[in-house]
N, C-alpha and C. Protein backbone atom coordinates (compact mmCIF):
# COMPACT_ATOMS: atom_id res chain seq x y z
N PHE A 1 8.12 0.07 7.43
CA PHE A 1 8.57 -0.79 6.28
C PHE A 1 9.65 -1.69 6.61
N ASP A 2 9.75 -2.76 5.88
CA ASP A 2 10.90 -3.68 6.17
C ASP A 2 11.24 -4.14 4.86
N TYR A 3 12.34 -3.54 4.29
CA TYR A 3 12.76 -3.95 3.04
C TYR A 3 14.20 -4.23 3.12
N GLU A 4 14.64 -5.48 2.97
CA GLU A 4 15.95 -5.90 3.13
C GLU A 4 16.76 -5.24 1.87
N GLY A 5 17.87 -4.57 2.25
CA GLY A 5 18.74 -4.03 1.13
C GLY A 5 18.25 -2.74 0.54
N LEU A 6 17.13 -2.11 1.13
CA LEU A 6 16.72 -0.85 0.46
C LEU A 6 17.04 0.16 1.41
N ASP A 7 17.64 1.27 0.78
CA ASP A 7 18.02 2.43 1.64
C ASP A 7 16.82 2.94 2.37
N PRO A 8 17.00 3.26 3.77
CA PRO A 8 15.85 3.56 4.44
C PRO A 8 15.19 4.91 4.05
N ARG A 9 16.09 5.87 3.49
CA ARG A 9 15.55 7.20 3.12
C ARG A 9 14.63 6.84 1.84
N ALA A 10 15.16 5.88 1.08
CA ALA A 10 14.25 5.71 -0.15
C ALA A 10 12.99 5.02 0.29
N ALA A 11 13.15 4.13 1.19
CA ALA A 11 11.84 3.34 1.72
C ALA A 11 10.95 4.42 2.30
N PHE A 12 11.38 5.40 3.12
CA PHE A 12 10.53 6.45 3.76
C PHE A 12 9.75 7.23 2.56
N TYR A 13 10.49 7.60 1.45
CA TYR A 13 9.70 8.28 0.50
C TYR A 13 8.82 7.48 -0.25
N LEU A 14 9.18 6.26 -0.57
CA LEU A 14 8.30 5.35 -1.25
C LEU A 14 6.97 5.19 -0.56
N MET A 15 7.10 4.97 0.74
CA MET A 15 5.84 4.86 1.60
C MET A 15 5.11 6.07 1.79
N ARG A 16 5.83 7.21 1.80
CA ARG A 16 5.07 8.50 1.95
C ARG A 16 4.19 8.68 0.67
N ASP A 17 4.99 8.63 -0.44
CA ASP A 17 4.18 8.71 -1.69
C ASP A 17 3.09 7.70 -2.02
N LEU A 18 3.22 6.54 -1.42
CA LEU A 18 2.28 5.57 -1.67
C LEU A 18 1.00 5.94 -0.96
N GLU A 19 1.30 6.28 0.30
CA GLU A 19 0.27 6.80 1.34
C GLU A 19 -0.61 7.98 0.61
N THR A 20 0.05 8.90 0.16
CA THR A 20 -0.51 9.96 -0.66
C THR A 20 -1.37 9.61 -1.86
N VAL A 21 -0.83 8.63 -2.49
CA VAL A 21 -1.72 8.12 -3.71
C VAL A 21 -2.91 7.41 -3.14
N ILE A 22 -2.91 6.53 -2.30
CA ILE A 22 -4.08 5.70 -1.72
C ILE A 22 -4.95 6.53 -1.00
N SER A 23 -4.60 7.72 -0.33
CA SER A 23 -5.42 8.50 0.34
C SER A 23 -6.36 9.49 -0.51
N ASP A 24 -5.98 9.52 -1.76
CA ASP A 24 -6.73 10.36 -2.76
C ASP A 24 -8.08 9.60 -3.03
N LYS A 25 -9.09 10.03 -2.85
CA LYS A 25 -10.54 9.30 -3.06
C LYS A 25 -10.59 8.94 -4.69
N ALA A 26 -9.95 9.46 -5.48
CA ALA A 26 -9.88 9.26 -6.93
C ALA A 26 -9.26 7.98 -7.19
N PHE A 27 -8.32 7.58 -6.28
CA PHE A 27 -7.48 6.26 -6.50
C PHE A 27 -8.45 5.15 -6.67
N SER A 28 -9.57 4.98 -5.98
CA SER A 28 -10.41 3.94 -5.99
C SER A 28 -11.05 3.58 -7.10
N THR A 29 -11.13 4.59 -8.03
CA THR A 29 -11.80 4.47 -9.43
C THR A 29 -10.79 4.42 -10.45
N GLN A 30 -9.62 4.39 -10.28
CA GLN A 30 -8.58 4.35 -11.19
C GLN A 30 -8.68 2.81 -11.90
N LYS A 31 -8.13 2.70 -13.26
CA LYS A 31 -7.99 1.69 -14.03
C LYS A 31 -6.66 1.35 -14.27
N PHE A 32 -6.06 0.24 -14.42
CA PHE A 32 -4.74 -0.08 -14.84
C PHE A 32 -4.69 -1.30 -15.79
N ALA A 33 -3.98 -1.08 -16.83
CA ALA A 33 -3.89 -2.05 -17.90
C ALA A 33 -2.52 -2.80 -17.68
N VAL A 34 -2.69 -4.26 -17.71
CA VAL A 34 -1.59 -4.99 -17.86
C VAL A 34 -1.85 -6.15 -18.81
N GLY A 35 -1.00 -5.88 -19.84
CA GLY A 35 -1.26 -6.81 -21.00
C GLY A 35 -2.65 -6.60 -21.59
N ASP A 36 -3.31 -7.82 -21.62
CA ASP A 36 -4.68 -7.60 -22.30
C ASP A 36 -5.81 -7.39 -21.10
N ASN A 37 -5.45 -7.32 -19.89
CA ASN A 37 -6.23 -7.21 -18.80
C ASN A 37 -6.31 -5.84 -18.26
N VAL A 38 -7.52 -5.28 -17.88
CA VAL A 38 -7.66 -4.12 -17.25
C VAL A 38 -8.17 -4.30 -15.78
N TYR A 39 -7.55 -3.70 -14.73
CA TYR A 39 -7.93 -3.83 -13.43
C TYR A 39 -8.32 -2.58 -12.82
N SER A 40 -9.16 -2.74 -11.89
CA SER A 40 -9.72 -1.51 -11.10
C SER A 40 -9.43 -1.70 -9.64
N VAL A 41 -9.26 -0.60 -8.97
CA VAL A 41 -8.94 -0.77 -7.50
C VAL A 41 -10.24 -0.70 -6.91
N GLU A 42 -10.47 -1.80 -6.10
CA GLU A 42 -11.61 -1.96 -5.22
C GLU A 42 -11.51 -1.29 -3.85
N ARG A 43 -10.32 -1.45 -3.36
CA ARG A 43 -9.98 -1.06 -1.91
C ARG A 43 -8.52 -0.74 -1.72
N ALA A 44 -8.34 0.20 -0.99
CA ALA A 44 -6.91 0.55 -0.58
C ALA A 44 -6.77 1.11 0.74
N GLU A 45 -5.97 0.77 1.59
CA GLU A 45 -6.06 1.13 2.99
C GLU A 45 -4.56 1.16 3.67
N ASN A 46 -4.56 1.89 4.69
CA ASN A 46 -3.41 1.90 5.42
C ASN A 46 -3.66 1.33 6.93
N PHE A 47 -2.93 0.27 7.29
CA PHE A 47 -3.51 -0.48 8.63
C PHE A 47 -2.26 -0.64 9.39
N GLU A 48 -2.50 -0.96 10.66
CA GLU A 48 -1.44 -1.34 11.68
C GLU A 48 -1.60 -2.70 12.03
N TYR A 49 -0.55 -3.35 12.41
CA TYR A 49 -0.40 -4.73 12.76
C TYR A 49 0.23 -4.81 14.31
N ILE A 50 -0.50 -5.46 15.09
CA ILE A 50 0.01 -5.68 16.60
C ILE A 50 0.52 -7.15 16.59
N ASP A 51 1.75 -7.35 16.82
CA ASP A 51 2.28 -8.68 16.99
C ASP A 51 1.80 -9.45 18.12
N PRO A 52 1.15 -10.53 17.96
CA PRO A 52 0.56 -11.29 18.98
C PRO A 52 1.43 -11.92 20.10
N VAL A 53 2.83 -11.93 19.50
CA VAL A 53 3.77 -12.64 20.57
C VAL A 53 4.22 -11.54 21.51
N ASP A 54 4.76 -10.43 21.03
CA ASP A 54 5.41 -9.42 21.83
C ASP A 54 4.67 -8.14 22.06
N GLY A 55 3.63 -7.97 21.29
CA GLY A 55 2.76 -6.75 21.31
C GLY A 55 3.23 -5.46 20.54
N THR A 56 4.43 -5.66 19.85
CA THR A 56 4.98 -4.58 19.16
C THR A 56 3.92 -4.13 18.14
N VAL A 57 3.80 -2.83 17.77
CA VAL A 57 2.82 -2.36 16.72
C VAL A 57 3.57 -1.82 15.41
N ALA A 58 3.25 -2.28 14.32
CA ALA A 58 3.70 -1.82 13.01
C ALA A 58 2.77 -1.04 12.45
N ARG A 59 2.89 0.31 12.27
CA ARG A 59 1.95 1.12 11.77
C ARG A 59 2.20 1.48 10.30
N ASN A 60 1.27 1.99 9.64
CA ASN A 60 1.38 2.47 8.16
C ASN A 60 1.84 1.34 7.27
N GLN A 61 1.13 0.37 7.47
CA GLN A 61 1.31 -1.05 6.59
C GLN A 61 0.42 -0.83 5.40
N VAL A 62 0.72 -0.05 4.36
CA VAL A 62 -0.12 0.28 3.34
C VAL A 62 -0.34 -0.95 2.55
N SER A 63 -1.67 -1.18 2.30
CA SER A 63 -2.27 -2.43 1.39
C SER A 63 -3.28 -1.87 0.40
N VAL A 64 -2.84 -2.31 -0.96
CA VAL A 64 -3.91 -2.22 -1.85
C VAL A 64 -4.78 -3.56 -1.74
N GLY A 65 -5.90 -3.35 -1.30
CA GLY A 65 -6.65 -4.58 -0.84
C GLY A 65 -7.11 -5.52 -1.82
N ARG A 66 -7.62 -4.93 -2.90
CA ARG A 66 -8.24 -5.80 -4.04
C ARG A 66 -8.36 -5.09 -5.25
N LEU A 67 -8.05 -5.81 -6.36
CA LEU A 67 -8.14 -5.42 -7.77
C LEU A 67 -9.22 -6.30 -8.31
N GLN A 68 -9.84 -5.50 -9.19
CA GLN A 68 -10.97 -6.43 -9.99
C GLN A 68 -10.71 -6.25 -11.40
N MET A 69 -10.95 -7.33 -12.12
CA MET A 69 -10.84 -7.26 -13.59
C MET A 69 -12.05 -6.94 -14.33
């Protein structure tokens, strides 16, 4: 995680809890209402990124890939 101004301990727990949520198979069938719109989760994943310049690896880059209306 890379959050400016966020306590590292809080960021750790945030990412841990988010990983738990998106790892649950039921998450991809959840629906969320925002105003008059209802969204469903199409895909959520945890990925890693390899920096093409220096080769460093950033793991556990949680992403909610796509929401559908």
